[in-house]
Amino acid sequence: MSEILVTTTEKIPGKEYEVLGEVFGLTTQSKNIMRNIGASLKNVVGGEIKDYTKMLNESRNIAIERLRQNAVAMGADAVVMMRFDSGSIGTDMQSVAAYGTAVKYL
């Protein structure tokens, strides 16, 4: 799937393309109860909660891979203007969406 170019820019230098439409990839992740307890304790003393940072990194990678799959299904060669959005669901789940515009080279 990595052959599908994903860029945050509007233009791809040296390429002309037609717009196919919006594509997205979505994932929702949660850590197990023991990790949540550890994160709560870290909240008391402060500092980075590395398990949650790792979870968000994994979530972003999954969301981009799903975005690429969506683009391939549409027949796209690339995705331009890719962005991320994220939010909490309850107190222990995090949702990450990657979205952009699928394009086909001319």
N, C-alpha and C. Protein backbone atom coordinates (compact mmCIF):
# COMPACT_ATOMS: atom_id res chain seq x y z
N MET A 1 0.81 -1.19 0.00
CA MET A 1 0.00 0.00 0.00
C MET A 1 0.86 1.27 0.00
N SER A 2 2.10 1.16 0.40
CA SER A 2 2.94 2.35 0.55
C SER A 2 3.24 3.04 -0.77
N GLU A 3 2.90 2.40 -1.93
CA GLU A 3 3.14 3.06 -3.21
C GLU A 3 2.20 4.22 -3.47
N ILE A 4 1.11 4.32 -2.71
CA ILE A 4 0.20 5.44 -2.83
C ILE A 4 0.81 6.63 -2.09
N LEU A 5 1.17 7.67 -2.82
CA LEU A 5 1.73 8.87 -2.22
C LEU A 5 0.66 9.56 -1.38
N VAL A 6 1.01 9.91 -0.16
CA VAL A 6 0.14 10.69 0.71
C VAL A 6 0.89 11.94 1.09
N THR A 7 0.32 13.10 0.76
CA THR A 7 0.99 14.36 1.01
C THR A 7 0.04 15.36 1.66
N THR A 8 0.60 16.25 2.45
CA THR A 8 -0.21 17.28 3.09
C THR A 8 -0.35 18.52 2.20
N THR A 9 0.35 18.52 1.08
CA THR A 9 0.28 19.66 0.17
C THR A 9 -0.86 19.50 -0.83
N GLU A 10 -1.23 20.61 -1.46
CA GLU A 10 -2.30 20.58 -2.47
C GLU A 10 -1.77 20.12 -3.82
N LYS A 11 -0.55 20.48 -4.14
CA LYS A 11 0.05 20.16 -5.44
C LYS A 11 1.16 19.13 -5.28
N ILE A 12 1.29 18.28 -6.28
CA ILE A 12 2.41 17.34 -6.35
C ILE A 12 3.31 17.85 -7.48
N PRO A 13 4.53 18.26 -7.17
CA PRO A 13 5.40 18.82 -8.19
C PRO A 13 5.58 17.88 -9.39
N GLY A 14 5.38 18.42 -10.58
CA GLY A 14 5.58 17.66 -11.81
C GLY A 14 4.43 16.73 -12.18
N LYS A 15 3.33 16.77 -11.44
CA LYS A 15 2.20 15.89 -11.72
C LYS A 15 0.94 16.70 -11.98
N GLU A 16 0.17 16.24 -12.95
CA GLU A 16 -1.17 16.78 -13.15
C GLU A 16 -2.13 15.65 -12.85
N TYR A 17 -3.25 15.99 -12.28
CA TYR A 17 -4.18 14.95 -11.86
C TYR A 17 -5.61 15.46 -11.83
N GLU A 18 -6.52 14.47 -11.82
CA GLU A 18 -7.93 14.78 -11.63
C GLU A 18 -8.32 14.35 -10.22
N VAL A 19 -9.26 15.06 -9.64
CA VAL A 19 -9.74 14.75 -8.30
C VAL A 19 -10.78 13.65 -8.38
N LEU A 20 -10.59 12.61 -7.57
CA LEU A 20 -11.55 11.51 -7.51
C LEU A 20 -12.56 11.69 -6.37
N GLY A 21 -12.12 12.29 -5.28
CA GLY A 21 -13.02 12.51 -4.16
C GLY A 21 -12.33 12.34 -2.82
N GLU A 22 -13.12 12.46 -1.79
CA GLU A 22 -12.63 12.39 -0.43
C GLU A 22 -12.33 10.94 -0.03
N VAL A 23 -11.24 10.76 0.70
CA VAL A 23 -10.89 9.45 1.26
C VAL A 23 -10.57 9.64 2.74
N PHE A 24 -10.74 8.57 3.49
CA PHE A 24 -10.44 8.64 4.91
C PHE A 24 -10.04 7.29 5.45
N GLY A 25 -9.41 7.32 6.60
CA GLY A 25 -9.09 6.12 7.35
C GLY A 25 -9.36 6.43 8.81
N LEU A 26 -9.97 5.50 9.50
CA LEU A 26 -10.39 5.75 10.88
C LEU A 26 -10.03 4.56 11.76
N THR A 27 -9.61 4.86 12.98
CA THR A 27 -9.38 3.81 13.97
C THR A 27 -9.72 4.36 15.35
N THR A 28 -10.14 3.48 16.23
CA THR A 28 -10.38 3.82 17.62
C THR A 28 -9.61 2.82 18.47
N GLN A 29 -8.82 3.33 19.39
CA GLN A 29 -7.93 2.49 20.19
C GLN A 29 -8.17 2.72 21.68
N SER A 30 -7.82 1.72 22.45
CA SER A 30 -7.88 1.82 23.91
C SER A 30 -6.75 0.98 24.49
N LYS A 31 -6.21 1.40 25.60
CA LYS A 31 -5.22 0.60 26.32
C LYS A 31 -5.93 -0.27 27.35
N ASN A 32 -5.25 -1.32 27.79
CA ASN A 32 -5.87 -2.21 28.77
C ASN A 32 -5.95 -1.55 30.14
N ILE A 33 -6.69 -2.15 31.02
CA ILE A 33 -6.98 -1.57 32.34
C ILE A 33 -5.70 -1.31 33.15
N MET A 34 -4.72 -2.19 33.07
CA MET A 34 -3.48 -1.99 33.84
C MET A 34 -2.73 -0.77 33.34
N ARG A 35 -2.71 -0.59 32.04
CA ARG A 35 -2.03 0.59 31.49
C ARG A 35 -2.78 1.86 31.86
N ASN A 36 -4.12 1.80 31.90
CA ASN A 36 -4.91 2.96 32.31
C ASN A 36 -4.61 3.35 33.75
N ILE A 37 -4.44 2.36 34.62
CA ILE A 37 -4.10 2.64 36.02
C ILE A 37 -2.73 3.31 36.09
N GLY A 38 -1.77 2.78 35.33
CA GLY A 38 -0.43 3.39 35.29
C GLY A 38 -0.47 4.82 34.79
N ALA A 39 -1.30 5.07 33.79
CA ALA A 39 -1.44 6.42 33.24
C ALA A 39 -2.06 7.36 34.27
N SER A 40 -3.02 6.85 35.04
CA SER A 40 -3.64 7.67 36.09
C SER A 40 -2.63 8.06 37.14
N LEU A 41 -1.76 7.12 37.51
CA LEU A 41 -0.72 7.43 38.48
C LEU A 41 0.26 8.46 37.94
N LYS A 42 0.60 8.35 36.66
CA LYS A 42 1.51 9.31 36.03
C LYS A 42 0.87 10.69 36.02
N ASN A 43 -0.44 10.75 35.90
CA ASN A 43 -1.17 12.01 35.89
C ASN A 43 -0.95 12.78 37.19
N VAL A 44 -0.75 12.06 38.29
CA VAL A 44 -0.54 12.70 39.59
C VAL A 44 0.82 13.40 39.65
N VAL A 45 1.86 12.75 39.14
CA VAL A 45 3.21 13.31 39.23
C VAL A 45 3.61 14.13 38.01
N GLY A 46 2.88 13.98 36.91
CA GLY A 46 3.18 14.74 35.70
C GLY A 46 4.17 14.03 34.81
N GLY A 47 4.31 14.54 33.60
CA GLY A 47 5.23 13.97 32.64
C GLY A 47 4.50 13.26 31.50
N GLU A 48 5.28 12.81 30.55
CA GLU A 48 4.73 12.14 29.38
C GLU A 48 4.20 10.75 29.76
N ILE A 49 3.05 10.41 29.22
CA ILE A 49 2.48 9.08 29.40
C ILE A 49 2.83 8.30 28.13
N LYS A 50 3.95 7.59 28.19
CA LYS A 50 4.53 6.97 27.00
C LYS A 50 3.62 5.93 26.36
N ASP A 51 2.84 5.20 27.16
CA ASP A 51 1.92 4.21 26.58
C ASP A 51 0.88 4.88 25.68
N TYR A 52 0.40 6.05 26.10
CA TYR A 52 -0.59 6.76 25.28
C TYR A 52 0.05 7.40 24.05
N THR A 53 1.27 7.88 24.19
CA THR A 53 1.98 8.40 23.03
C THR A 53 2.18 7.30 22.00
N LYS A 54 2.58 6.12 22.46
CA LYS A 54 2.75 4.98 21.57
C LYS A 54 1.42 4.60 20.91
N MET A 55 0.34 4.60 21.70
CA MET A 55 -0.97 4.27 21.16
C MET A 55 -1.39 5.26 20.07
N LEU A 56 -1.15 6.54 20.29
CA LEU A 56 -1.52 7.54 19.28
C LEU A 56 -0.68 7.40 18.02
N ASN A 57 0.61 7.10 18.17
CA ASN A 57 1.46 6.85 17.00
C ASN A 57 0.95 5.66 16.20
N GLU A 58 0.62 4.58 16.90
CA GLU A 58 0.07 3.40 16.23
C GLU A 58 -1.25 3.74 15.54
N SER A 59 -2.08 4.51 16.21
CA SER A 59 -3.37 4.90 15.65
C SER A 59 -3.20 5.71 14.37
N ARG A 60 -2.27 6.64 14.37
CA ARG A 60 -2.01 7.44 13.16
C ARG A 60 -1.56 6.55 12.00
N ASN A 61 -0.67 5.60 12.29
CA ASN A 61 -0.19 4.69 11.24
C ASN A 61 -1.33 3.83 10.69
N ILE A 62 -2.19 3.33 11.56
CA ILE A 62 -3.34 2.53 11.11
C ILE A 62 -4.27 3.40 10.27
N ALA A 63 -4.54 4.61 10.72
CA ALA A 63 -5.44 5.51 9.99
C ALA A 63 -4.89 5.83 8.60
N ILE A 64 -3.59 6.06 8.47
CA ILE A 64 -2.99 6.34 7.16
C ILE A 64 -3.08 5.11 6.26
N GLU A 65 -2.83 3.93 6.82
CA GLU A 65 -2.91 2.70 6.02
C GLU A 65 -4.35 2.50 5.52
N ARG A 66 -5.32 2.76 6.34
CA ARG A 66 -6.72 2.64 5.91
C ARG A 66 -7.09 3.70 4.88
N LEU A 67 -6.53 4.88 5.02
CA LEU A 67 -6.71 5.94 4.01
C LEU A 67 -6.16 5.46 2.67
N ARG A 68 -4.97 4.86 2.69
CA ARG A 68 -4.37 4.33 1.45
C ARG A 68 -5.26 3.24 0.83
N GLN A 69 -5.78 2.35 1.66
CA GLN A 69 -6.67 1.29 1.16
C GLN A 69 -7.91 1.88 0.51
N ASN A 70 -8.47 2.90 1.13
CA ASN A 70 -9.64 3.58 0.58
C ASN A 70 -9.30 4.22 -0.77
N ALA A 71 -8.12 4.83 -0.87
CA ALA A 71 -7.69 5.47 -2.11
C ALA A 71 -7.49 4.44 -3.23
N VAL A 72 -6.87 3.29 -2.90
CA VAL A 72 -6.66 2.23 -3.89
C VAL A 72 -8.01 1.73 -4.40
N ALA A 73 -8.96 1.55 -3.51
CA ALA A 73 -10.29 1.08 -3.90
C ALA A 73 -10.97 2.04 -4.86
N MET A 74 -10.61 3.32 -4.79
CA MET A 74 -11.18 4.33 -5.70
C MET A 74 -10.40 4.44 -7.00
N GLY A 75 -9.26 3.75 -7.09
CA GLY A 75 -8.43 3.83 -8.28
C GLY A 75 -7.47 5.00 -8.26
N ALA A 76 -7.15 5.52 -7.10
CA ALA A 76 -6.28 6.70 -6.97
C ALA A 76 -4.80 6.34 -7.10
N ASP A 77 -4.03 7.34 -7.51
CA ASP A 77 -2.57 7.22 -7.53
C ASP A 77 -1.93 7.91 -6.33
N ALA A 78 -2.66 8.84 -5.72
CA ALA A 78 -2.11 9.61 -4.60
C ALA A 78 -3.25 10.22 -3.80
N VAL A 79 -2.88 10.73 -2.62
CA VAL A 79 -3.81 11.49 -1.78
C VAL A 79 -3.14 12.81 -1.46
N VAL A 80 -3.85 13.90 -1.73
CA VAL A 80 -3.32 15.23 -1.42
C VAL A 80 -4.13 15.84 -0.27
N MET A 81 -3.56 16.86 0.34
CA MET A 81 -4.20 17.61 1.43
C MET A 81 -4.60 16.70 2.60
N MET A 82 -3.76 15.71 2.93
CA MET A 82 -4.06 14.81 4.04
C MET A 82 -3.95 15.55 5.36
N ARG A 83 -4.90 15.27 6.22
CA ARG A 83 -4.94 15.86 7.56
C ARG A 83 -5.32 14.77 8.56
N PHE A 84 -5.05 15.06 9.83
CA PHE A 84 -5.47 14.19 10.92
C PHE A 84 -6.49 14.92 11.78
N ASP A 85 -7.37 14.15 12.37
CA ASP A 85 -8.28 14.65 13.39
C ASP A 85 -8.33 13.58 14.47
N SER A 86 -8.45 13.97 15.71
CA SER A 86 -8.53 12.98 16.77
C SER A 86 -9.42 13.49 17.88
N GLY A 87 -9.90 12.55 18.66
CA GLY A 87 -10.75 12.92 19.78
C GLY A 87 -10.90 11.76 20.74
N SER A 88 -11.33 12.08 21.94
CA SER A 88 -11.54 11.07 22.97
C SER A 88 -12.97 10.56 22.91
N ILE A 89 -13.10 9.28 23.21
CA ILE A 89 -14.41 8.66 23.38
C ILE A 89 -14.41 8.13 24.80
N GLY A 90 -15.17 8.74 25.65
CA GLY A 90 -15.11 8.37 27.06
C GLY A 90 -13.79 8.79 27.66
N THR A 91 -13.35 8.05 28.65
CA THR A 91 -12.10 8.42 29.33
C THR A 91 -10.91 7.57 28.91
N ASP A 92 -11.16 6.46 28.17
CA ASP A 92 -10.04 5.57 27.88
C ASP A 92 -9.93 5.16 26.42
N MET A 93 -10.65 5.81 25.53
CA MET A 93 -10.55 5.49 24.11
C MET A 93 -10.20 6.75 23.32
N GLN A 94 -9.45 6.55 22.25
CA GLN A 94 -9.02 7.64 21.39
C GLN A 94 -9.32 7.26 19.95
N SER A 95 -9.94 8.18 19.23
CA SER A 95 -10.25 7.97 17.82
C SER A 95 -9.34 8.86 16.98
N VAL A 96 -8.79 8.31 15.91
CA VAL A 96 -7.94 9.06 14.99
C VAL A 96 -8.46 8.87 13.57
N ALA A 97 -8.64 9.97 12.87
CA ALA A 97 -9.06 9.93 11.47
C ALA A 97 -8.00 10.62 10.62
N ALA A 98 -7.66 9.97 9.51
CA ALA A 98 -6.81 10.58 8.49
C ALA A 98 -7.73 10.81 7.30
N TYR A 99 -7.70 12.01 6.71
CA TYR A 99 -8.57 12.29 5.58
C TYR A 99 -7.85 13.18 4.58
N GLY A 100 -8.29 13.07 3.33
CA GLY A 100 -7.67 13.85 2.27
C GLY A 100 -8.45 13.70 0.99
N THR A 101 -7.83 14.08 -0.12
CA THR A 101 -8.46 14.03 -1.44
C THR A 101 -7.71 13.05 -2.32
N ALA A 102 -8.43 12.04 -2.81
CA ALA A 102 -7.84 11.04 -3.71
C ALA A 102 -7.73 11.64 -5.10
N VAL A 103 -6.58 11.42 -5.77
CA VAL A 103 -6.37 11.94 -7.11
C VAL A 103 -5.81 10.86 -8.03
N LYS A 104 -6.06 11.03 -9.32
CA LYS A 104 -5.58 10.10 -10.35
C LYS A 104 -4.73 10.92 -11.31
N TYR A 105 -3.50 10.44 -11.58
CA TYR A 105 -2.62 11.13 -12.51
C TYR A 105 -3.19 11.11 -13.93
N LEU A 106 -2.97 12.22 -14.63
CA LEU A 106 -3.40 12.30 -16.04
C LEU A 106 -2.33 11.77 -16.97
